[in-house]
């Protein structure tokens, strides 16, 4: 891959990802206006964040974090008794699910002060249970359970690993995932 130049990359990336279906909720904006919106998403720290990026896949993922209707990017540490972490996360993942994952009756039940934590939710009338064994970081295994629950759709939650600590998540179909790997050089958890 050639040397990454963030200055020539930015508008090209915006155009690429708009054609890919990202930033649909901002379709009324020009590419330049969308670029300003993306920069403002980072509260004036866009250049600082971008300065720490040395490759296109990481820069792509940084840019897409601003599409909060398609991408989930948050701290993975938050599984604490009383924090209601998993129900909150599942609600946030529903927002980015492209209508494929709308859970109901989501509950987090702690078996002791330090866990394990039982997470229950209903999807399409069927109850699903995931057990978070220990630790205060989100267990990506819950995505495997959710992906099984939406197996009748072409979409899966995917975790991109180029930018950060496996905390960049989006709902993609296999063709989209393949394009991101082959055309953009992305890497995924699975």
Foldseek 3Di string as FASTA:
>chain_A
DDWDDVVVVQLVLLVVVVVVVFPPVVVVDDSVRLSVLLCVVVVVCVVVVVVVDGAQQQVSLSSRCSRQQFKFFDFQFAQAVPSQPVVVVLCSQCSNQPNQRDWPPWDWDAPDRFGFIWTWTDDPRDIDIDTRGGDRGHDCVVQVVVCVVSVVDQWGWWFWDPHDDSRIIGIDGPVSVVCCCVVVVTDTPD
